[in-house]
């Protein structure tokens, strides 16, 4: 199963509210056969622009919330279920799911190989500084 990182933005809630909301999202991940690796809180903060949220009466704008990141291994089928859960739940503002980047150890030389592949055109570029120095 591929690794995903879920960014979950919520309203500012009490400690009990956070635990019930996170349990809902974790249960949804577990239903699809996924594994939760890590949950991390980035704290309460002001959003750069207002978020539209559902209320009992209708919708309103929210400027402050709490952001969580959830590292998980799950199937692709569960992604849409998490986004639907964020749309339905009144306490969740949004949930964005992205594949986690691959981390390679430094000793394997993978980054250097990538750089060489991406800069193959550099051999054909003339460097005028070195031409002037040789004259």
N, C-alpha and C. Protein backbone atom coordinates (compact mmCIF):
# COMPACT_ATOMS: atom_id res chain seq x y z
N UNK A 1 0.84 -1.18 0.00
CA UNK A 1 0.00 0.00 0.00
C UNK A 1 0.88 1.24 0.00
N UNK A 2 0.51 2.24 -0.77
CA UNK A 2 1.31 3.47 -0.80
C UNK A 2 1.11 4.31 0.45
N UNK A 3 2.08 5.15 0.72
CA UNK A 3 2.03 6.02 1.89
C UNK A 3 1.42 7.36 1.48
N UNK A 4 0.51 7.87 2.31
CA UNK A 4 -0.14 9.15 2.06
C UNK A 4 0.01 10.04 3.28
N UNK A 5 -0.03 11.34 3.02
CA UNK A 5 -0.06 12.32 4.10
C UNK A 5 -1.37 13.08 3.98
N UNK A 6 -2.14 13.08 5.06
CA UNK A 6 -3.44 13.75 5.08
C UNK A 6 -3.30 15.01 5.92
N UNK A 7 -3.70 16.13 5.34
CA UNK A 7 -3.74 17.40 6.07
C UNK A 7 -5.19 17.67 6.41
N UNK A 8 -5.46 17.72 7.70
CA UNK A 8 -6.83 17.89 8.19
C UNK A 8 -6.93 19.21 8.94
N UNK A 9 -7.80 20.08 8.47
CA UNK A 9 -8.04 21.36 9.15
C UNK A 9 -9.39 21.27 9.85
N UNK A 10 -9.40 21.68 11.11
CA UNK A 10 -10.62 21.61 11.91
C UNK A 10 -10.93 22.97 12.51
N UNK A 11 -12.10 23.08 13.08
CA UNK A 11 -12.41 24.25 13.90
C UNK A 11 -11.58 24.16 15.17
N UNK A 12 -11.52 25.23 15.92
CA UNK A 12 -10.89 25.19 17.24
C UNK A 12 -11.88 24.53 18.17
N UNK A 13 -11.50 23.35 18.70
CA UNK A 13 -12.40 22.54 19.52
C UNK A 13 -11.78 22.30 20.89
N UNK A 14 -12.51 21.61 21.73
CA UNK A 14 -11.95 21.16 23.01
C UNK A 14 -11.14 19.89 22.75
N UNK A 15 -10.44 19.44 23.77
CA UNK A 15 -9.62 18.24 23.63
C UNK A 15 -10.47 17.02 23.26
N UNK A 16 -11.63 16.93 23.87
CA UNK A 16 -12.53 15.82 23.56
C UNK A 16 -13.06 15.89 22.13
N UNK A 17 -13.30 17.09 21.64
CA UNK A 17 -13.75 17.26 20.27
C UNK A 17 -12.71 16.83 19.26
N UNK A 18 -11.44 17.14 19.56
CA UNK A 18 -10.36 16.70 18.66
C UNK A 18 -10.25 15.19 18.63
N UNK A 19 -10.36 14.55 19.81
CA UNK A 19 -10.21 13.09 19.84
C UNK A 19 -11.33 12.39 19.09
N UNK A 20 -12.57 12.87 19.24
CA UNK A 20 -13.67 12.22 18.51
C UNK A 20 -13.54 12.42 17.01
N UNK A 21 -13.10 13.60 16.58
CA UNK A 21 -12.93 13.86 15.16
C UNK A 21 -11.80 13.02 14.57
N UNK A 22 -10.69 12.93 15.29
CA UNK A 22 -9.57 12.13 14.80
C UNK A 22 -9.92 10.64 14.80
N UNK A 23 -10.72 10.20 15.77
CA UNK A 23 -11.15 8.80 15.79
C UNK A 23 -12.02 8.49 14.58
N UNK A 24 -12.88 9.44 14.17
CA UNK A 24 -13.71 9.24 12.99
C UNK A 24 -12.84 9.03 11.75
N UNK A 25 -11.82 9.88 11.60
CA UNK A 25 -10.95 9.78 10.44
C UNK A 25 -10.11 8.50 10.49
N UNK A 26 -9.61 8.14 11.66
CA UNK A 26 -8.83 6.91 11.79
C UNK A 26 -9.69 5.68 11.52
N UNK A 27 -10.93 5.68 12.01
CA UNK A 27 -11.83 4.55 11.73
C UNK A 27 -12.10 4.42 10.23
N UNK A 28 -12.22 5.53 9.54
CA UNK A 28 -12.43 5.49 8.10
C UNK A 28 -11.20 4.91 7.38
N UNK A 29 -10.02 5.26 7.86
CA UNK A 29 -8.79 4.70 7.28
C UNK A 29 -8.72 3.20 7.55
N UNK A 30 -9.07 2.79 8.76
CA UNK A 30 -9.02 1.37 9.13
C UNK A 30 -10.06 0.56 8.37
N UNK A 31 -11.22 1.16 8.05
CA UNK A 31 -12.24 0.45 7.27
C UNK A 31 -11.73 0.08 5.90
N UNK A 32 -10.92 0.94 5.30
CA UNK A 32 -10.39 0.66 3.96
C UNK A 32 -9.14 -0.21 4.01
N UNK A 33 -8.77 -0.69 5.19
CA UNK A 33 -7.62 -1.57 5.31
C UNK A 33 -6.30 -0.84 5.49
N UNK A 34 -6.35 0.43 5.83
CA UNK A 34 -5.14 1.23 5.99
C UNK A 34 -4.57 1.16 7.40
N UNK A 35 -3.39 1.72 7.54
CA UNK A 35 -2.69 1.76 8.82
C UNK A 35 -2.29 3.20 9.09
N UNK A 36 -2.60 3.70 10.28
CA UNK A 36 -2.19 5.05 10.68
C UNK A 36 -0.80 4.95 11.28
N UNK A 37 0.14 5.66 10.69
CA UNK A 37 1.52 5.61 11.15
C UNK A 37 1.80 6.68 12.19
N UNK A 38 1.32 7.91 11.95
CA UNK A 38 1.61 9.01 12.87
C UNK A 38 0.55 10.10 12.72
N UNK A 39 0.16 10.69 13.85
CA UNK A 39 -0.73 11.85 13.87
C UNK A 39 0.02 12.97 14.56
N UNK A 40 0.06 14.12 13.90
CA UNK A 40 0.81 15.25 14.45
C UNK A 40 -0.06 16.51 14.36
N UNK A 41 -0.06 17.29 15.43
CA UNK A 41 -0.80 18.55 15.45
C UNK A 41 0.15 19.69 15.13
N UNK A 42 -0.25 20.54 14.19
CA UNK A 42 0.52 21.74 13.86
C UNK A 42 0.03 22.95 14.63
N UNK A 43 -0.97 22.76 15.47
CA UNK A 43 -1.45 23.82 16.34
C UNK A 43 -2.58 24.64 15.74
N UNK A 44 -3.11 25.51 16.56
CA UNK A 44 -4.17 26.42 16.12
C UNK A 44 -3.53 27.65 15.49
N UNK A 45 -4.08 28.06 14.38
CA UNK A 45 -3.52 29.21 13.67
C UNK A 45 -4.59 29.90 12.84
N UNK A 46 -4.29 31.09 12.42
CA UNK A 46 -5.18 31.84 11.55
C UNK A 46 -4.93 31.42 10.12
N UNK A 47 -5.99 31.12 9.38
CA UNK A 47 -5.86 30.73 7.98
C UNK A 47 -5.50 31.95 7.13
N UNK A 48 -4.77 31.77 6.02
CA UNK A 48 -4.44 32.91 5.18
C UNK A 48 -5.65 33.53 4.49
N UNK A 49 -6.70 32.74 4.26
CA UNK A 49 -7.95 33.28 3.74
C UNK A 49 -9.10 32.53 4.40
N UNK A 50 -10.28 33.08 4.34
CA UNK A 50 -11.41 32.49 5.07
C UNK A 50 -11.81 31.16 4.45
N UNK A 51 -12.26 30.27 5.29
CA UNK A 51 -12.76 28.96 4.86
C UNK A 51 -14.26 28.93 5.07
N UNK A 52 -15.00 28.42 4.12
CA UNK A 52 -16.44 28.29 4.25
C UNK A 52 -16.74 26.97 4.94
N UNK A 53 -17.49 27.05 6.03
CA UNK A 53 -17.82 25.84 6.79
C UNK A 53 -19.33 25.72 6.93
N UNK A 54 -19.76 24.50 7.19
CA UNK A 54 -21.18 24.24 7.40
C UNK A 54 -21.52 24.46 8.86
N UNK A 55 -22.67 25.08 9.10
CA UNK A 55 -23.21 25.23 10.45
C UNK A 55 -24.61 24.63 10.46
N UNK A 56 -25.24 24.65 11.62
CA UNK A 56 -26.60 24.11 11.72
C UNK A 56 -27.59 24.94 10.90
N UNK A 57 -27.33 26.25 10.79
CA UNK A 57 -28.23 27.15 10.09
C UNK A 57 -27.93 27.19 8.59
N UNK A 58 -26.68 27.13 8.21
CA UNK A 58 -26.28 27.23 6.81
C UNK A 58 -24.77 27.14 6.69
N UNK A 59 -24.17 28.21 6.17
CA UNK A 59 -22.71 28.27 6.07
C UNK A 59 -22.22 29.57 6.69
N UNK A 60 -20.96 29.56 7.09
CA UNK A 60 -20.34 30.77 7.60
C UNK A 60 -18.85 30.73 7.26
N UNK A 61 -18.17 31.82 7.51
CA UNK A 61 -16.74 31.90 7.21
C UNK A 61 -15.94 31.69 8.49
N UNK A 62 -14.84 30.98 8.34
CA UNK A 62 -13.98 30.66 9.47
C UNK A 62 -12.58 31.17 9.17
N UNK A 63 -11.98 31.86 10.12
CA UNK A 63 -10.64 32.42 9.94
C UNK A 63 -9.59 31.71 10.78
N UNK A 64 -9.99 30.96 11.80
CA UNK A 64 -9.02 30.32 12.68
C UNK A 64 -9.37 28.86 12.84
N UNK A 65 -8.35 28.00 12.86
CA UNK A 65 -8.58 26.57 13.01
C UNK A 65 -7.32 25.86 13.45
N UNK A 66 -7.43 24.55 13.60
CA UNK A 66 -6.31 23.71 14.00
C UNK A 66 -6.00 22.77 12.85
N UNK A 67 -4.71 22.55 12.61
CA UNK A 67 -4.27 21.72 11.49
C UNK A 67 -3.56 20.47 12.04
N UNK A 68 -3.95 19.32 11.52
CA UNK A 68 -3.33 18.04 11.85
C UNK A 68 -2.76 17.42 10.59
N UNK A 69 -1.67 16.68 10.74
CA UNK A 69 -1.17 15.85 9.65
C UNK A 69 -1.23 14.40 10.11
N UNK A 70 -1.68 13.55 9.21
CA UNK A 70 -1.81 12.12 9.50
C UNK A 70 -1.01 11.37 8.44
N UNK A 71 0.03 10.65 8.84
CA UNK A 71 0.78 9.80 7.93
C UNK A 71 0.15 8.42 7.96
N UNK A 72 -0.20 7.91 6.79
CA UNK A 72 -0.93 6.64 6.74
C UNK A 72 -0.53 5.84 5.51
N UNK A 73 -0.67 4.55 5.64
CA UNK A 73 -0.56 3.63 4.50
C UNK A 73 -1.96 3.15 4.21
N UNK A 74 -2.45 3.42 3.00
CA UNK A 74 -3.83 3.04 2.69
C UNK A 74 -3.99 2.84 1.19
N UNK A 75 -5.09 2.19 0.83
CA UNK A 75 -5.42 1.98 -0.57
C UNK A 75 -6.03 3.26 -1.13
N UNK A 76 -6.00 3.37 -2.45
CA UNK A 76 -6.53 4.58 -3.09
C UNK A 76 -8.04 4.69 -2.93
N UNK A 77 -8.71 3.60 -2.66
CA UNK A 77 -10.17 3.64 -2.49
C UNK A 77 -10.59 4.48 -1.30
N UNK A 78 -9.77 4.53 -0.27
CA UNK A 78 -10.12 5.24 0.96
C UNK A 78 -9.98 6.75 0.87
N UNK A 79 -9.33 7.25 -0.17
CA UNK A 79 -9.10 8.70 -0.28
C UNK A 79 -10.42 9.45 -0.44
N UNK A 80 -11.26 8.97 -1.33
CA UNK A 80 -12.53 9.66 -1.56
C UNK A 80 -13.42 9.60 -0.32
N UNK A 81 -13.35 8.51 0.43
CA UNK A 81 -14.16 8.39 1.65
C UNK A 81 -13.73 9.41 2.70
N UNK A 82 -12.42 9.68 2.80
CA UNK A 82 -11.94 10.68 3.76
C UNK A 82 -12.38 12.08 3.36
N UNK A 83 -12.32 12.38 2.07
CA UNK A 83 -12.75 13.71 1.62
C UNK A 83 -14.25 13.91 1.81
N UNK A 84 -15.03 12.84 1.61
CA UNK A 84 -16.48 12.93 1.86
C UNK A 84 -16.77 13.14 3.34
N UNK A 85 -16.01 12.46 4.19
CA UNK A 85 -16.20 12.62 5.63
C UNK A 85 -15.90 14.05 6.06
N UNK A 86 -14.88 14.67 5.47
CA UNK A 86 -14.56 16.06 5.79
C UNK A 86 -15.67 17.00 5.32
N UNK A 87 -16.32 16.67 4.20
CA UNK A 87 -17.42 17.50 3.71
C UNK A 87 -18.66 17.38 4.59
N UNK A 88 -18.91 16.20 5.13
CA UNK A 88 -20.12 15.96 5.91
C UNK A 88 -19.98 16.47 7.34
N UNK A 89 -18.82 16.26 7.96
CA UNK A 89 -18.63 16.61 9.37
C UNK A 89 -18.58 18.13 9.55
N UNK A 90 -19.33 18.64 10.53
CA UNK A 90 -19.37 20.08 10.77
C UNK A 90 -18.09 20.61 11.41
N UNK A 91 -17.34 19.78 12.12
CA UNK A 91 -16.14 20.24 12.79
C UNK A 91 -14.91 20.22 11.89
N UNK A 92 -14.95 19.47 10.81
CA UNK A 92 -13.82 19.41 9.88
C UNK A 92 -13.99 20.51 8.82
N UNK A 93 -12.93 21.26 8.58
CA UNK A 93 -12.98 22.31 7.56
C UNK A 93 -12.65 21.70 6.21
N UNK A 94 -11.51 21.02 6.10
CA UNK A 94 -11.15 20.31 4.87
C UNK A 94 -10.14 19.23 5.20
N UNK A 95 -10.01 18.27 4.27
CA UNK A 95 -9.00 17.22 4.36
C UNK A 95 -8.38 17.07 2.99
N UNK A 96 -7.10 17.26 2.89
CA UNK A 96 -6.36 17.11 1.64
C UNK A 96 -5.45 15.90 1.76
N UNK A 97 -5.49 15.03 0.78
CA UNK A 97 -4.69 13.81 0.78
C UNK A 97 -3.67 13.90 -0.34
N UNK A 98 -2.41 13.67 0.01
CA UNK A 98 -1.33 13.72 -0.98
C UNK A 98 -0.40 12.54 -0.75
N UNK A 99 0.15 11.98 -1.82
CA UNK A 99 1.14 10.92 -1.62
C UNK A 99 2.37 11.46 -0.93
N UNK A 100 2.89 10.73 0.02
CA UNK A 100 4.09 11.17 0.75
C UNK A 100 5.30 11.04 -0.15
N UNK A 101 6.23 11.99 -0.10
CA UNK A 101 7.42 11.90 -0.94
C UNK A 101 8.33 10.76 -0.49
N UNK A 102 9.02 10.18 -1.46
CA UNK A 102 9.97 9.12 -1.14
C UNK A 102 11.21 9.71 -0.51
N UNK A 103 11.67 9.10 0.55
CA UNK A 103 12.88 9.57 1.22
C UNK A 103 13.95 8.50 1.03
N UNK A 104 15.02 8.88 0.38
CA UNK A 104 16.11 7.95 0.13
C UNK A 104 17.27 8.29 1.05
N UNK A 105 17.97 7.29 1.55
CA UNK A 105 19.13 7.59 2.39
C UNK A 105 20.25 8.22 1.57
N UNK A 106 21.07 9.01 2.23
CA UNK A 106 22.13 9.73 1.52
C UNK A 106 23.17 8.79 0.94
N UNK A 107 23.40 7.65 1.57
CA UNK A 107 24.47 6.77 1.12
C UNK A 107 24.17 6.08 -0.19
N UNK A 108 22.91 6.05 -0.64
CA UNK A 108 22.60 5.30 -1.87
C UNK A 108 22.91 6.09 -3.13
N UNK A 109 23.10 7.41 -3.03
CA UNK A 109 23.46 8.22 -4.20
C UNK A 109 22.31 8.46 -5.15
N UNK A 110 21.07 8.24 -4.72
CA UNK A 110 19.92 8.39 -5.62
C UNK A 110 19.75 9.84 -6.05
N UNK A 111 19.94 10.78 -5.11
CA UNK A 111 19.77 12.20 -5.44
C UNK A 111 20.80 12.65 -6.46
N UNK A 112 22.02 12.17 -6.33
CA UNK A 112 23.05 12.55 -7.29
C UNK A 112 22.72 12.02 -8.68
N UNK A 113 22.19 10.80 -8.75
CA UNK A 113 21.79 10.24 -10.05
C UNK A 113 20.66 11.04 -10.66
N UNK A 114 19.71 11.48 -9.83
CA UNK A 114 18.62 12.31 -10.34
C UNK A 114 19.15 13.62 -10.88
N UNK A 115 20.08 14.24 -10.17
CA UNK A 115 20.62 15.52 -10.62
C UNK A 115 21.37 15.36 -11.94
N UNK A 116 22.10 14.28 -12.10
CA UNK A 116 22.82 14.06 -13.35
C UNK A 116 21.84 13.87 -14.50
N UNK A 117 20.74 13.13 -14.27
CA UNK A 117 19.75 12.92 -15.31
C UNK A 117 19.06 14.23 -15.70
N UNK A 118 18.83 15.11 -14.75
CA UNK A 118 18.10 16.34 -15.03
C UNK A 118 18.98 17.43 -15.62
N UNK A 119 20.28 17.29 -15.52
CA UNK A 119 21.17 18.35 -16.02
C UNK A 119 22.03 17.87 -17.17
N UNK A 120 21.51 16.94 -17.98
CA UNK A 120 22.29 16.44 -19.10
C UNK A 120 22.55 17.52 -20.14
N UNK A 121 21.70 18.52 -20.21
CA UNK A 121 21.86 19.58 -21.18
C UNK A 121 22.96 20.57 -20.80
N UNK A 122 23.47 20.50 -19.59
CA UNK A 122 24.47 21.46 -19.13
C UNK A 122 25.80 21.30 -19.87
N UNK A 123 26.06 20.13 -20.42
CA UNK A 123 27.31 19.93 -21.15
C UNK A 123 27.34 20.72 -22.45
N UNK A 124 26.18 21.05 -23.00
CA UNK A 124 26.11 21.75 -24.28
C UNK A 124 26.07 23.27 -24.12
N UNK A 125 26.00 23.77 -22.90
CA UNK A 125 25.94 25.21 -22.68
C UNK A 125 27.36 25.76 -22.60
N UNK A 126 27.60 26.82 -23.32
CA UNK A 126 28.93 27.44 -23.30
C UNK A 126 29.03 28.36 -22.10
N UNK A 127 30.08 28.25 -21.38
CA UNK A 127 30.33 29.11 -20.23
C UNK A 127 31.30 30.20 -20.67
N UNK A 128 30.83 31.41 -20.83
CA UNK A 128 31.67 32.49 -21.35
C UNK A 128 32.71 32.96 -20.35
N UNK A 129 32.48 32.72 -19.06
CA UNK A 129 33.47 33.10 -18.07
C UNK A 129 34.74 32.30 -18.25
N UNK A 130 34.64 31.03 -18.47
CA UNK A 130 35.83 30.21 -18.63
C UNK A 130 36.50 30.49 -19.96
N UNK A 131 35.77 30.88 -20.99
CA UNK A 131 36.38 31.20 -22.28
C UNK A 131 37.23 32.46 -22.16
N UNK A 132 36.74 33.44 -21.41
CA UNK A 132 37.48 34.68 -21.28
C UNK A 132 38.73 34.51 -20.43
N UNK A 133 38.68 33.62 -19.46
CA UNK A 133 39.83 33.40 -18.61
C UNK A 133 40.97 32.72 -19.33
N UNK A 134 40.68 31.89 -20.31
CA UNK A 134 41.73 31.16 -21.01
C UNK A 134 42.44 32.02 -22.04
N UNK A 135 41.87 33.11 -22.48
CA UNK A 135 42.51 33.94 -23.51
C UNK A 135 43.62 34.79 -22.96
